[in-house]
Amino acid sequence: MAEHYIVRNNPIPYFFRIVFLSNNFRDPLLRKFEKDFRFTRPEFSILVCLGLQNGISAIEISDITRQPQNTVSRGVLLLTQKKLIRKVTDKADKRRNRLYLTKEGLAAHKVLMDYLTEANEKMVDCLTNKERKQLETILAKMCLEAPSFT
């Protein structure tokens, strides 16, 4: 296995392993979504974020995904043109729009999530139920601390 140095005797094991897993999971999925569904990475990110929390703003999506605001804005424009999301002016801050999945957007989100759920299961297939629960706990803890990493 050419990747053995990722697993063994690595001076920065967490970083390389997390990047390795991300590159082997996320990148192929994004390419598939671009090819099969014609969604760009920002569109994909926006659909997933809105499916988890409908009504958030583009700025919040940028903060969550760490994608530049102009990149997210282009994704919002594309999804609006495709009628998968709609913008509603925020009542508390008229300068900000809240984003909502349309009926078509909800259907697109479901297709993406079905595929991601299957891929997620494949990723942890080698783990026992106990290991899955431990991994979930550890990853949740790390995600909460992610803003302090750099």
N, C-alpha and C. Protein backbone atom coordinates (compact mmCIF):
# COMPACT_ATOMS: atom_id res chain seq x y z
N MET A 1 0.85 -1.19 0.00
CA MET A 1 0.00 0.00 0.00
C MET A 1 0.89 1.24 0.00
N ALA A 2 0.75 2.05 -1.02
CA ALA A 2 1.59 3.24 -1.17
C ALA A 2 1.32 4.26 -0.06
N GLU A 3 0.16 4.21 0.57
CA GLU A 3 -0.20 5.20 1.58
C GLU A 3 0.29 4.81 2.98
N HIS A 4 1.11 3.78 3.11
CA HIS A 4 1.50 3.30 4.43
C HIS A 4 2.15 4.38 5.30
N TYR A 5 2.87 5.32 4.68
CA TYR A 5 3.50 6.39 5.46
C TYR A 5 2.47 7.30 6.10
N ILE A 6 1.25 7.33 5.58
CA ILE A 6 0.18 8.12 6.18
C ILE A 6 -0.25 7.47 7.50
N VAL A 7 -0.20 6.15 7.54
CA VAL A 7 -0.69 5.42 8.69
C VAL A 7 0.39 5.19 9.74
N ARG A 8 1.61 4.93 9.30
CA ARG A 8 2.67 4.56 10.25
C ARG A 8 3.82 5.57 10.21
N ASN A 9 4.45 5.74 11.36
CA ASN A 9 5.68 6.54 11.48
C ASN A 9 5.55 7.93 10.86
N ASN A 10 4.44 8.57 11.10
CA ASN A 10 4.20 9.89 10.55
C ASN A 10 4.41 10.93 11.65
N PRO A 11 5.25 11.95 11.43
CA PRO A 11 5.52 12.92 12.50
C PRO A 11 4.31 13.81 12.82
N ILE A 12 3.38 13.94 11.91
CA ILE A 12 2.15 14.70 12.18
C ILE A 12 0.94 13.82 11.78
N PRO A 13 0.70 12.78 12.56
CA PRO A 13 -0.27 11.75 12.15
C PRO A 13 -1.71 12.23 12.03
N TYR A 14 -2.16 13.12 12.89
CA TYR A 14 -3.56 13.53 12.84
C TYR A 14 -3.83 14.35 11.59
N PHE A 15 -2.98 15.33 11.35
CA PHE A 15 -3.15 16.19 10.19
C PHE A 15 -3.17 15.38 8.90
N PHE A 16 -2.16 14.58 8.68
CA PHE A 16 -2.08 13.83 7.43
C PHE A 16 -3.22 12.84 7.27
N ARG A 17 -3.60 12.20 8.35
CA ARG A 17 -4.68 11.21 8.26
C ARG A 17 -6.02 11.87 7.96
N ILE A 18 -6.28 13.00 8.61
CA ILE A 18 -7.54 13.70 8.36
C ILE A 18 -7.58 14.23 6.93
N VAL A 19 -6.47 14.80 6.47
CA VAL A 19 -6.41 15.29 5.09
C VAL A 19 -6.54 14.13 4.10
N PHE A 20 -5.86 13.05 4.39
CA PHE A 20 -5.93 11.86 3.52
C PHE A 20 -7.37 11.37 3.40
N LEU A 21 -8.05 11.24 4.54
CA LEU A 21 -9.45 10.79 4.52
C LEU A 21 -10.33 11.79 3.77
N SER A 22 -10.14 13.06 4.02
CA SER A 22 -10.92 14.09 3.35
C SER A 22 -10.72 14.03 1.84
N ASN A 23 -9.48 13.93 1.42
CA ASN A 23 -9.18 13.89 -0.01
C ASN A 23 -9.78 12.65 -0.68
N ASN A 24 -9.85 11.56 0.03
CA ASN A 24 -10.38 10.32 -0.54
C ASN A 24 -11.89 10.22 -0.43
N PHE A 25 -12.49 11.07 0.35
CA PHE A 25 -13.94 11.04 0.53
C PHE A 25 -14.59 12.21 -0.20
N ARG A 26 -14.18 13.42 0.15
CA ARG A 26 -14.84 14.63 -0.35
C ARG A 26 -14.57 14.89 -1.82
N ASP A 27 -13.32 14.86 -2.22
CA ASP A 27 -12.99 15.24 -3.60
C ASP A 27 -13.67 14.36 -4.65
N PRO A 28 -13.65 13.03 -4.51
CA PRO A 28 -14.37 12.21 -5.50
C PRO A 28 -15.88 12.48 -5.50
N LEU A 29 -16.45 12.74 -4.32
CA LEU A 29 -17.88 13.04 -4.26
C LEU A 29 -18.20 14.35 -4.96
N LEU A 30 -17.36 15.36 -4.73
CA LEU A 30 -17.59 16.64 -5.39
C LEU A 30 -17.50 16.51 -6.90
N ARG A 31 -16.53 15.74 -7.37
CA ARG A 31 -16.41 15.52 -8.82
C ARG A 31 -17.66 14.81 -9.36
N LYS A 32 -18.17 13.84 -8.61
CA LYS A 32 -19.38 13.12 -9.03
C LYS A 32 -20.57 14.08 -9.10
N PHE A 33 -20.72 14.91 -8.07
CA PHE A 33 -21.85 15.84 -8.05
C PHE A 33 -21.74 16.87 -9.18
N GLU A 34 -20.52 17.29 -9.48
CA GLU A 34 -20.34 18.22 -10.59
C GLU A 34 -20.71 17.56 -11.91
N LYS A 35 -20.31 16.30 -12.07
CA LYS A 35 -20.56 15.57 -13.32
C LYS A 35 -22.03 15.14 -13.44
N ASP A 36 -22.55 14.47 -12.42
CA ASP A 36 -23.89 13.88 -12.50
C ASP A 36 -25.01 14.89 -12.27
N PHE A 37 -24.80 15.85 -11.38
CA PHE A 37 -25.87 16.76 -10.99
C PHE A 37 -25.62 18.20 -11.43
N ARG A 38 -24.43 18.44 -11.97
CA ARG A 38 -24.04 19.79 -12.42
C ARG A 38 -24.09 20.81 -11.28
N PHE A 39 -23.65 20.38 -10.11
CA PHE A 39 -23.52 21.27 -8.97
C PHE A 39 -22.05 21.59 -8.77
N THR A 40 -21.74 22.86 -8.63
CA THR A 40 -20.38 23.25 -8.29
C THR A 40 -20.17 23.01 -6.80
N ARG A 41 -18.92 23.10 -6.36
CA ARG A 41 -18.64 22.92 -4.93
C ARG A 41 -19.44 23.90 -4.08
N PRO A 42 -19.47 25.20 -4.43
CA PRO A 42 -20.28 26.11 -3.59
C PRO A 42 -21.76 25.75 -3.58
N GLU A 43 -22.31 25.34 -4.71
CA GLU A 43 -23.72 24.94 -4.74
C GLU A 43 -23.96 23.74 -3.84
N PHE A 44 -23.07 22.77 -3.93
CA PHE A 44 -23.15 21.58 -3.08
C PHE A 44 -23.13 21.98 -1.61
N SER A 45 -22.17 22.83 -1.24
CA SER A 45 -22.04 23.26 0.16
C SER A 45 -23.29 23.98 0.64
N ILE A 46 -23.82 24.84 -0.20
CA ILE A 46 -25.01 25.61 0.18
C ILE A 46 -26.20 24.68 0.37
N LEU A 47 -26.40 23.75 -0.56
CA LEU A 47 -27.52 22.81 -0.43
C LEU A 47 -27.42 21.99 0.85
N VAL A 48 -26.22 21.50 1.15
CA VAL A 48 -26.04 20.70 2.35
C VAL A 48 -26.29 21.56 3.59
N CYS A 49 -25.71 22.76 3.63
CA CYS A 49 -25.90 23.64 4.79
C CYS A 49 -27.37 23.98 5.00
N LEU A 50 -28.06 24.35 3.91
CA LEU A 50 -29.47 24.72 4.05
C LEU A 50 -30.34 23.52 4.42
N GLY A 51 -29.95 22.35 3.99
CA GLY A 51 -30.68 21.15 4.38
C GLY A 51 -30.56 20.87 5.86
N LEU A 52 -29.43 21.27 6.44
CA LEU A 52 -29.22 21.08 7.87
C LEU A 52 -29.81 22.22 8.69
N GLN A 53 -29.80 23.43 8.11
CA GLN A 53 -30.31 24.61 8.82
C GLN A 53 -30.88 25.60 7.80
N ASN A 54 -32.11 25.39 7.41
CA ASN A 54 -32.76 26.27 6.45
C ASN A 54 -32.88 27.67 7.05
N GLY A 55 -32.68 28.69 6.22
CA GLY A 55 -32.87 30.06 6.69
C GLY A 55 -31.61 30.76 7.15
N ILE A 56 -30.45 30.17 6.93
CA ILE A 56 -29.22 30.86 7.29
C ILE A 56 -28.79 31.77 6.13
N SER A 57 -27.84 32.64 6.40
CA SER A 57 -27.40 33.60 5.38
C SER A 57 -26.17 33.09 4.65
N ALA A 58 -25.86 33.74 3.54
CA ALA A 58 -24.66 33.39 2.77
C ALA A 58 -23.40 33.60 3.62
N ILE A 59 -23.39 34.62 4.45
CA ILE A 59 -22.23 34.87 5.32
C ILE A 59 -22.05 33.72 6.31
N GLU A 60 -23.15 33.24 6.85
CA GLU A 60 -23.07 32.10 7.77
C GLU A 60 -22.56 30.85 7.05
N ILE A 61 -23.01 30.64 5.82
CA ILE A 61 -22.52 29.49 5.04
C ILE A 61 -21.03 29.64 4.78
N SER A 62 -20.60 30.84 4.47
CA SER A 62 -19.17 31.10 4.26
C SER A 62 -18.37 30.77 5.53
N ASP A 63 -18.89 31.17 6.67
CA ASP A 63 -18.22 30.88 7.95
C ASP A 63 -18.15 29.38 8.22
N ILE A 64 -19.23 28.68 7.94
CA ILE A 64 -19.30 27.24 8.20
C ILE A 64 -18.37 26.47 7.28
N THR A 65 -18.40 26.81 5.98
CA THR A 65 -17.66 26.05 4.98
C THR A 65 -16.23 26.55 4.77
N ARG A 66 -15.93 27.72 5.30
CA ARG A 66 -14.62 28.36 5.10
C ARG A 66 -14.37 28.69 3.63
N GLN A 67 -15.44 28.83 2.86
CA GLN A 67 -15.32 29.28 1.48
C GLN A 67 -15.45 30.80 1.46
N PRO A 68 -14.72 31.47 0.58
CA PRO A 68 -14.83 32.94 0.51
C PRO A 68 -16.27 33.38 0.23
N GLN A 69 -16.63 34.55 0.77
CA GLN A 69 -18.00 35.04 0.60
C GLN A 69 -18.37 35.22 -0.87
N ASN A 70 -17.41 35.66 -1.70
CA ASN A 70 -17.76 35.85 -3.11
C ASN A 70 -18.02 34.51 -3.80
N THR A 71 -17.34 33.45 -3.37
CA THR A 71 -17.57 32.11 -3.91
C THR A 71 -18.97 31.62 -3.52
N VAL A 72 -19.33 31.81 -2.26
CA VAL A 72 -20.67 31.42 -1.80
C VAL A 72 -21.72 32.26 -2.52
N SER A 73 -21.46 33.54 -2.70
CA SER A 73 -22.42 34.40 -3.41
C SER A 73 -22.67 33.92 -4.83
N ARG A 74 -21.63 33.48 -5.51
CA ARG A 74 -21.81 32.93 -6.87
C ARG A 74 -22.66 31.67 -6.82
N GLY A 75 -22.43 30.83 -5.81
CA GLY A 75 -23.25 29.62 -5.64
C GLY A 75 -24.70 29.96 -5.36
N VAL A 76 -24.93 30.98 -4.54
CA VAL A 76 -26.30 31.43 -4.25
C VAL A 76 -26.97 31.90 -5.54
N LEU A 77 -26.26 32.66 -6.35
CA LEU A 77 -26.81 33.14 -7.61
C LEU A 77 -27.19 31.97 -8.52
N LEU A 78 -26.30 30.98 -8.65
CA LEU A 78 -26.57 29.81 -9.49
C LEU A 78 -27.78 29.03 -8.99
N LEU A 79 -27.84 28.80 -7.69
CA LEU A 79 -28.96 28.03 -7.12
C LEU A 79 -30.27 28.81 -7.22
N THR A 80 -30.20 30.13 -7.13
CA THR A 80 -31.40 30.96 -7.29
C THR A 80 -31.89 30.87 -8.73
N GLN A 81 -30.95 30.94 -9.68
CA GLN A 81 -31.31 30.83 -11.09
C GLN A 81 -31.91 29.46 -11.41
N LYS A 82 -31.43 28.43 -10.73
CA LYS A 82 -31.95 27.07 -10.94
C LYS A 82 -33.24 26.84 -10.15
N LYS A 83 -33.65 27.86 -9.40
CA LYS A 83 -34.87 27.81 -8.58
C LYS A 83 -34.80 26.74 -7.49
N LEU A 84 -33.60 26.50 -6.97
CA LEU A 84 -33.42 25.53 -5.89
C LEU A 84 -33.40 26.21 -4.52
N ILE A 85 -33.14 27.51 -4.50
CA ILE A 85 -33.23 28.27 -3.25
C ILE A 85 -33.94 29.59 -3.53
N ARG A 86 -34.41 30.20 -2.46
CA ARG A 86 -34.99 31.54 -2.56
C ARG A 86 -34.40 32.40 -1.46
N LYS A 87 -34.32 33.68 -1.73
CA LYS A 87 -33.80 34.64 -0.76
C LYS A 87 -34.96 35.43 -0.17
N VAL A 88 -34.88 35.61 1.14
CA VAL A 88 -35.87 36.41 1.86
C VAL A 88 -35.10 37.43 2.70
N THR A 89 -35.48 38.69 2.58
CA THR A 89 -34.81 39.74 3.35
C THR A 89 -35.01 39.49 4.84
N ASP A 90 -33.91 39.56 5.57
CA ASP A 90 -33.93 39.37 7.02
C ASP A 90 -34.68 40.53 7.67
N LYS A 91 -35.70 40.23 8.46
CA LYS A 91 -36.50 41.28 9.10
C LYS A 91 -35.69 42.09 10.10
N ALA A 92 -34.73 41.45 10.75
CA ALA A 92 -33.92 42.14 11.77
C ALA A 92 -32.80 42.96 11.15
N ASP A 93 -32.35 42.58 9.95
CA ASP A 93 -31.25 43.28 9.27
C ASP A 93 -31.55 43.29 7.78
N LYS A 94 -32.12 44.38 7.32
CA LYS A 94 -32.59 44.48 5.93
C LYS A 94 -31.46 44.34 4.91
N ARG A 95 -30.20 44.44 5.34
CA ARG A 95 -29.06 44.29 4.43
C ARG A 95 -28.76 42.82 4.15
N ARG A 96 -29.31 41.94 4.93
CA ARG A 96 -28.99 40.52 4.85
C ARG A 96 -30.18 39.72 4.32
N ASN A 97 -29.87 38.69 3.53
CA ASN A 97 -30.90 37.77 3.04
C ASN A 97 -30.77 36.44 3.75
N ARG A 98 -31.90 35.87 4.06
CA ARG A 98 -31.97 34.50 4.57
C ARG A 98 -32.23 33.60 3.36
N LEU A 99 -31.61 32.45 3.35
CA LEU A 99 -31.72 31.54 2.22
C LEU A 99 -32.56 30.32 2.61
N TYR A 100 -33.45 29.94 1.71
CA TYR A 100 -34.34 28.81 1.97
C TYR A 100 -34.37 27.89 0.76
N LEU A 101 -34.40 26.60 1.02
CA LEU A 101 -34.57 25.63 -0.06
C LEU A 101 -36.00 25.71 -0.57
N THR A 102 -36.15 25.67 -1.88
CA THR A 102 -37.47 25.57 -2.48
C THR A 102 -37.88 24.09 -2.48
N LYS A 103 -39.07 23.82 -2.97
CA LYS A 103 -39.51 22.43 -3.09
C LYS A 103 -38.51 21.64 -3.94
N GLU A 104 -38.08 22.23 -5.04
CA GLU A 104 -37.09 21.59 -5.92
C GLU A 104 -35.74 21.45 -5.21
N GLY A 105 -35.40 22.45 -4.41
CA GLY A 105 -34.15 22.41 -3.64
C GLY A 105 -34.17 21.32 -2.59
N LEU A 106 -35.32 21.13 -1.95
CA LEU A 106 -35.46 20.05 -0.98
C LEU A 106 -35.28 18.69 -1.66
N ALA A 107 -35.82 18.55 -2.87
CA ALA A 107 -35.67 17.30 -3.61
C ALA A 107 -34.21 17.07 -3.99
N ALA A 108 -33.51 18.13 -4.43
CA ALA A 108 -32.09 18.02 -4.77
C ALA A 108 -31.27 17.67 -3.53
N HIS A 109 -31.60 18.30 -2.40
CA HIS A 109 -30.91 18.01 -1.15
C HIS A 109 -31.09 16.55 -0.76
N LYS A 110 -32.29 16.04 -0.93
CA LYS A 110 -32.55 14.63 -0.58
C LYS A 110 -31.68 13.70 -1.41
N VAL A 111 -31.58 13.95 -2.70
CA VAL A 111 -30.74 13.12 -3.57
C VAL A 111 -29.28 13.17 -3.09
N LEU A 112 -28.80 14.37 -2.81
CA LEU A 112 -27.42 14.51 -2.32
C LEU A 112 -27.23 13.77 -1.01
N MET A 113 -28.17 13.94 -0.08
CA MET A 113 -28.03 13.32 1.23
C MET A 113 -28.13 11.81 1.16
N ASP A 114 -28.97 11.29 0.27
CA ASP A 114 -29.04 9.84 0.10
C ASP A 114 -27.69 9.30 -0.34
N TYR A 115 -27.09 9.97 -1.29
CA TYR A 115 -25.78 9.54 -1.79
C TYR A 115 -24.71 9.70 -0.71
N LEU A 116 -24.74 10.83 0.00
CA LEU A 116 -23.75 11.06 1.06
C LEU A 116 -23.91 10.07 2.21
N THR A 117 -25.15 9.72 2.53
CA THR A 117 -25.40 8.74 3.60
C THR A 117 -24.79 7.40 3.24
N GLU A 118 -24.97 7.00 1.98
CA GLU A 118 -24.39 5.73 1.52
C GLU A 118 -22.85 5.80 1.58
N ALA A 119 -22.29 6.91 1.11
CA ALA A 119 -20.83 7.07 1.13
C ALA A 119 -20.31 7.11 2.57
N ASN A 120 -21.06 7.75 3.45
CA ASN A 120 -20.70 7.83 4.86
C ASN A 120 -20.62 6.44 5.48
N GLU A 121 -21.60 5.61 5.15
CA GLU A 121 -21.60 4.23 5.67
C GLU A 121 -20.41 3.44 5.15
N LYS A 122 -20.08 3.62 3.88
CA LYS A 122 -18.92 2.92 3.31
C LYS A 122 -17.63 3.35 4.02
N MET A 123 -17.56 4.63 4.37
CA MET A 123 -16.36 5.15 5.00
C MET A 123 -16.11 4.51 6.37
N VAL A 124 -17.16 4.24 7.11
CA VAL A 124 -16.99 3.69 8.46
C VAL A 124 -17.31 2.20 8.54
N ASP A 125 -17.46 1.59 7.39
CA ASP A 125 -17.79 0.17 7.33
C ASP A 125 -16.77 -0.71 8.05
N CYS A 126 -15.53 -0.28 8.09
CA CYS A 126 -14.48 -1.08 8.72
C CYS A 126 -14.48 -0.95 10.24
N LEU A 127 -15.34 -0.11 10.79
CA LEU A 127 -15.38 0.12 12.24
C LEU A 127 -16.51 -0.66 12.91
N THR A 128 -16.27 -1.03 14.15
CA THR A 128 -17.34 -1.64 14.94
C THR A 128 -18.30 -0.54 15.38
N ASN A 129 -19.45 -0.92 15.91
CA ASN A 129 -20.40 0.08 16.42
C ASN A 129 -19.78 0.92 17.53
N LYS A 130 -19.03 0.27 18.41
CA LYS A 130 -18.37 1.00 19.49
C LYS A 130 -17.37 2.01 18.92
N GLU A 131 -16.58 1.60 17.94
CA GLU A 131 -15.61 2.51 17.33
C GLU A 131 -16.31 3.66 16.61
N ARG A 132 -17.44 3.38 15.98
CA ARG A 132 -18.20 4.44 15.31
C ARG A 132 -18.66 5.49 16.31
N LYS A 133 -19.17 5.04 17.44
CA LYS A 133 -19.63 5.98 18.48
C LYS A 133 -18.46 6.79 19.02
N GLN A 134 -17.33 6.14 19.25
CA GLN A 134 -16.14 6.85 19.72
C GLN A 134 -15.69 7.89 18.69
N LEU A 135 -15.64 7.48 17.43
CA LEU A 135 -15.24 8.40 16.36
C LEU A 135 -16.19 9.58 16.28
N GLU A 136 -17.47 9.33 16.36
CA GLU A 136 -18.45 10.41 16.31
C GLU A 136 -18.24 11.40 17.45
N THR A 137 -18.00 10.89 18.65
CA THR A 137 -17.76 11.75 19.81
C THR A 137 -16.48 12.57 19.63
N ILE A 138 -15.43 11.93 19.19
CA ILE A 138 -14.14 12.62 19.01
C ILE A 138 -14.26 13.68 17.91
N LEU A 139 -14.87 13.33 16.78
CA LEU A 139 -14.99 14.29 15.68
C LEU A 139 -15.87 15.48 16.09
N ALA A 140 -16.95 15.23 16.81
CA ALA A 140 -17.81 16.32 17.27
C ALA A 140 -17.02 17.28 18.17
N LYS A 141 -16.25 16.72 19.08
CA LYS A 141 -15.43 17.54 19.98
C LYS A 141 -14.42 18.37 19.18
N MET A 142 -13.77 17.74 18.22
CA MET A 142 -12.78 18.45 17.40
C MET A 142 -13.43 19.53 16.54
N CYS A 143 -14.60 19.24 15.99
CA CYS A 143 -15.29 20.24 15.17
C CYS A 143 -15.65 21.48 15.97
N LEU A 144 -16.06 21.28 17.22
CA LEU A 144 -16.38 22.43 18.06
C LEU A 144 -15.15 23.30 18.34
N GLU A 145 -13.99 22.69 18.35
CA GLU A 145 -12.75 23.42 18.62
C GLU A 145 -12.05 23.91 17.35
N ALA A 146 -12.56 23.52 16.19
CA ALA A 146 -11.90 23.84 14.91
C ALA A 146 -11.53 25.31 14.74
N PRO A 147 -12.38 26.26 15.14
CA PRO A 147 -11.98 27.66 14.95
C PRO A 147 -10.69 28.06 15.68
N SER A 148 -10.32 27.32 16.69
CA SER A 148 -9.11 27.67 17.45
C SER A 148 -7.86 26.98 16.93
N PHE A 149 -7.96 26.18 15.85
CA PHE A 149 -6.81 25.41 15.37
C PHE A 149 -5.72 26.28 14.79
N THR A 150 -6.06 27.38 14.17
CA THR A 150 -5.03 28.21 13.53
C THR A 150 -4.94 29.57 14.17
